[in-house]
Protein backbone atom coordinates (compact mmCIF):
# COMPACT_ATOMS: atom_id res chain seq x y z
CA UNK A 1 0.00 0.00 0.00
CA UNK A 2 1.32 3.43 -0.89
CA UNK A 3 1.79 6.01 1.84
CA UNK A 4 -1.34 7.91 2.69
CA UNK A 5 -1.29 11.65 2.89
CA UNK A 6 -2.60 13.40 5.93
CA UNK A 7 -5.39 15.86 5.31
CA UNK A 8 -4.19 19.39 4.64
CA UNK A 9 -4.35 21.67 7.62
CA UNK A 10 -4.01 24.87 5.57
CA UNK A 11 -4.31 25.89 1.96
CA UNK A 12 -1.97 27.97 -0.17
CA UNK A 13 -4.65 30.63 -0.52
CA UNK A 14 -4.75 30.98 3.29
CA UNK A 15 -1.02 31.61 3.33
CA UNK A 16 -1.27 34.07 0.42
CA UNK A 17 -4.01 35.98 2.25
CA UNK A 18 -1.87 36.26 5.38
CA UNK A 19 1.06 37.59 3.34
CA UNK A 20 -1.12 40.11 1.46
CA UNK A 21 -2.67 41.28 4.73
CA UNK A 22 0.77 41.85 6.25
CA UNK A 23 1.85 43.83 3.18
CA UNK A 24 -1.37 45.86 3.19
CA UNK A 25 -0.74 46.71 6.85
CA UNK A 26 2.61 48.19 5.85
CA UNK A 27 4.77 45.41 7.25
CA UNK A 28 8.04 44.78 5.48
CA UNK A 29 10.36 41.87 6.20
CA UNK A 30 7.57 40.06 8.03
CA UNK A 31 8.17 36.42 8.87
CA UNK A 32 5.37 34.00 8.08
CA UNK A 33 5.42 30.52 9.59
CA UNK A 34 3.02 27.60 9.37
CA UNK A 35 2.68 24.94 12.06
CA UNK A 36 2.51 21.73 10.03
CA UNK A 37 0.56 19.91 12.73
CA UNK A 38 -2.22 22.42 13.25
CA UNK A 39 -2.00 24.59 10.13
CA UNK A 40 -1.77 27.70 12.31
CA UNK A 41 -0.33 30.60 10.30
CA UNK A 42 1.71 33.12 12.28
CA UNK A 43 2.89 36.49 10.96
CA UNK A 44 5.70 38.10 12.91
CA UNK A 45 6.15 41.78 12.24
CA UNK A 46 9.45 42.90 10.82
CA UNK A 47 9.99 46.54 10.15
CA UNK A 48 6.96 48.69 9.56
CA UNK A 49 6.91 51.12 6.68
CA UNK A 50 4.07 53.54 7.32
CA UNK A 51 3.48 56.50 5.07
CA UNK A 52 3.32 59.94 6.59
CA UNK A 53 0.20 61.98 5.84
CA UNK A 54 2.06 64.17 3.33
CA UNK A 55 3.16 61.01 1.53
CA UNK A 56 -0.45 59.81 1.52
CA UNK A 57 -1.59 63.13 0.05
CA UNK A 58 1.02 62.83 -2.69
CA UNK A 59 0.01 59.22 -3.44
CA UNK A 60 -3.65 60.25 -3.63
CA UNK A 61 -2.89 63.15 -5.98
CA UNK A 62 -0.89 60.85 -8.27
CA UNK A 63 -3.66 58.24 -8.23
CA UNK A 64 -6.33 60.82 -9.04
CA UNK A 65 -4.16 62.19 -11.84
CA UNK A 66 -3.89 58.75 -13.42
CA UNK A 67 -7.58 57.95 -13.08
CA UNK A 68 -9.31 61.19 -14.00
CA UNK A 69 -12.18 60.95 -16.42
CA UNK A 70 -12.08 63.22 -19.32
C-alpha atoms as a PDB file:
ATOM      1  CA  UNK A   1       0.000   0.000   0.000  1.00  0.00           C
ATOM      2  CA  UNK A   2       1.318   3.431  -0.892  1.00  0.00           C
ATOM      3  CA  UNK A   3       1.789   6.012   1.839  1.00  0.00           C
ATOM      4  CA  UNK A   4      -1.341   7.909   2.693  1.00  0.00           C
ATOM      5  CA  UNK A   5      -1.293  11.654   2.885  1.00  0.00           C
ATOM      6  CA  UNK A   6      -2.598  13.403   5.928  1.00  0.00           C
ATOM      7  CA  UNK A   7      -5.393  15.865   5.305  1.00  0.00           C
ATOM      8  CA  UNK A   8      -4.186  19.386   4.637  1.00  0.00           C
ATOM      9  CA  UNK A   9      -4.345  21.669   7.621  1.00  0.00           C
ATOM     10  CA  UNK A  10      -4.014  24.865   5.568  1.00  0.00           C
ATOM     11  CA  UNK A  11      -4.308  25.892   1.959  1.00  0.00           C
ATOM     12  CA  UNK A  12      -1.966  27.967  -0.171  1.00  0.00           C
ATOM     13  CA  UNK A  13      -4.646  30.629  -0.521  1.00  0.00           C
ATOM     14  CA  UNK A  14      -4.753  30.981   3.289  1.00  0.00           C
ATOM     15  CA  UNK A  15      -1.021  31.612   3.332  1.00  0.00           C
ATOM     16  CA  UNK A  16      -1.268  34.070   0.420  1.00  0.00           C
ATOM     17  CA  UNK A  17      -4.011  35.985   2.251  1.00  0.00           C
ATOM     18  CA  UNK A  18      -1.867  36.259   5.375  1.00  0.00           C
ATOM     19  CA  UNK A  19       1.059  37.594   3.343  1.00  0.00           C
ATOM     20  CA  UNK A  20      -1.116  40.110   1.464  1.00  0.00           C
ATOM     21  CA  UNK A  21      -2.673  41.277   4.732  1.00  0.00           C
ATOM     22  CA  UNK A  22       0.767  41.850   6.253  1.00  0.00           C
ATOM     23  CA  UNK A  23       1.851  43.831   3.183  1.00  0.00           C
ATOM     24  CA  UNK A  24      -1.369  45.864   3.193  1.00  0.00           C
ATOM     25  CA  UNK A  25      -0.743  46.706   6.849  1.00  0.00           C
ATOM     26  CA  UNK A  26       2.612  48.193   5.847  1.00  0.00           C
ATOM     27  CA  UNK A  27       4.769  45.410   7.253  1.00  0.00           C
ATOM     28  CA  UNK A  28       8.040  44.781   5.485  1.00  0.00           C
ATOM     29  CA  UNK A  29      10.361  41.870   6.202  1.00  0.00           C
ATOM     30  CA  UNK A  30       7.570  40.057   8.029  1.00  0.00           C
ATOM     31  CA  UNK A  31       8.175  36.420   8.870  1.00  0.00           C
ATOM     32  CA  UNK A  32       5.371  33.996   8.085  1.00  0.00           C
ATOM     33  CA  UNK A  33       5.421  30.517   9.590  1.00  0.00           C
ATOM     34  CA  UNK A  34       3.015  27.601   9.367  1.00  0.00           C
ATOM     35  CA  UNK A  35       2.683  24.942  12.062  1.00  0.00           C
ATOM     36  CA  UNK A  36       2.506  21.728  10.029  1.00  0.00           C
ATOM     37  CA  UNK A  37       0.562  19.911  12.729  1.00  0.00           C
ATOM     38  CA  UNK A  38      -2.220  22.422  13.247  1.00  0.00           C
ATOM     39  CA  UNK A  39      -1.997  24.586  10.133  1.00  0.00           C
ATOM     40  CA  UNK A  40      -1.768  27.699  12.307  1.00  0.00           C
ATOM     41  CA  UNK A  41      -0.329  30.599  10.300  1.00  0.00           C
ATOM     42  CA  UNK A  42       1.711  33.119  12.281  1.00  0.00           C
ATOM     43  CA  UNK A  43       2.889  36.487  10.956  1.00  0.00           C
ATOM     44  CA  UNK A  44       5.696  38.095  12.914  1.00  0.00           C
ATOM     45  CA  UNK A  45       6.148  41.779  12.238  1.00  0.00           C
ATOM     46  CA  UNK A  46       9.450  42.898  10.816  1.00  0.00           C
ATOM     47  CA  UNK A  47       9.989  46.545  10.150  1.00  0.00           C
ATOM     48  CA  UNK A  48       6.955  48.690   9.556  1.00  0.00           C
ATOM     49  CA  UNK A  49       6.906  51.123   6.680  1.00  0.00           C
ATOM     50  CA  UNK A  50       4.073  53.537   7.323  1.00  0.00           C
ATOM     51  CA  UNK A  51       3.482  56.497   5.069  1.00  0.00           C
ATOM     52  CA  UNK A  52       3.316  59.940   6.586  1.00  0.00           C
ATOM     53  CA  UNK A  53       0.198  61.983   5.842  1.00  0.00           C
ATOM     54  CA  UNK A  54       2.064  64.174   3.331  1.00  0.00           C
ATOM     55  CA  UNK A  55       3.156  61.010   1.527  1.00  0.00           C
ATOM     56  CA  UNK A  56      -0.452  59.813   1.518  1.00  0.00           C
ATOM     57  CA  UNK A  57      -1.589  63.131   0.053  1.00  0.00           C
ATOM     58  CA  UNK A  58       1.024  62.826  -2.691  1.00  0.00           C
ATOM     59  CA  UNK A  59       0.007  59.223  -3.442  1.00  0.00           C
ATOM     60  CA  UNK A  60      -3.652  60.250  -3.629  1.00  0.00           C
ATOM     61  CA  UNK A  61      -2.891  63.150  -5.980  1.00  0.00           C
ATOM     62  CA  UNK A  62      -0.890  60.851  -8.273  1.00  0.00           C
ATOM     63  CA  UNK A  63      -3.657  58.241  -8.231  1.00  0.00           C
ATOM     64  CA  UNK A  64      -6.326  60.819  -9.042  1.00  0.00           C
ATOM     65  CA  UNK A  65      -4.160  62.190 -11.845  1.00  0.00           C
ATOM     66  CA  UNK A  66      -3.887  58.749 -13.417  1.00  0.00           C
ATOM     67  CA  UNK A  67      -7.583  57.951 -13.084  1.00  0.00           C
ATOM     68  CA  UNK A  68      -9.311  61.191 -14.002  1.00  0.00           C
ATOM     69  CA  UNK A  69     -12.176  60.949 -16.422  1.00  0.00           C
ATOM     70  CA  UNK A  70     -12.084  63.220 -19.315  1.00  0.00           C
END
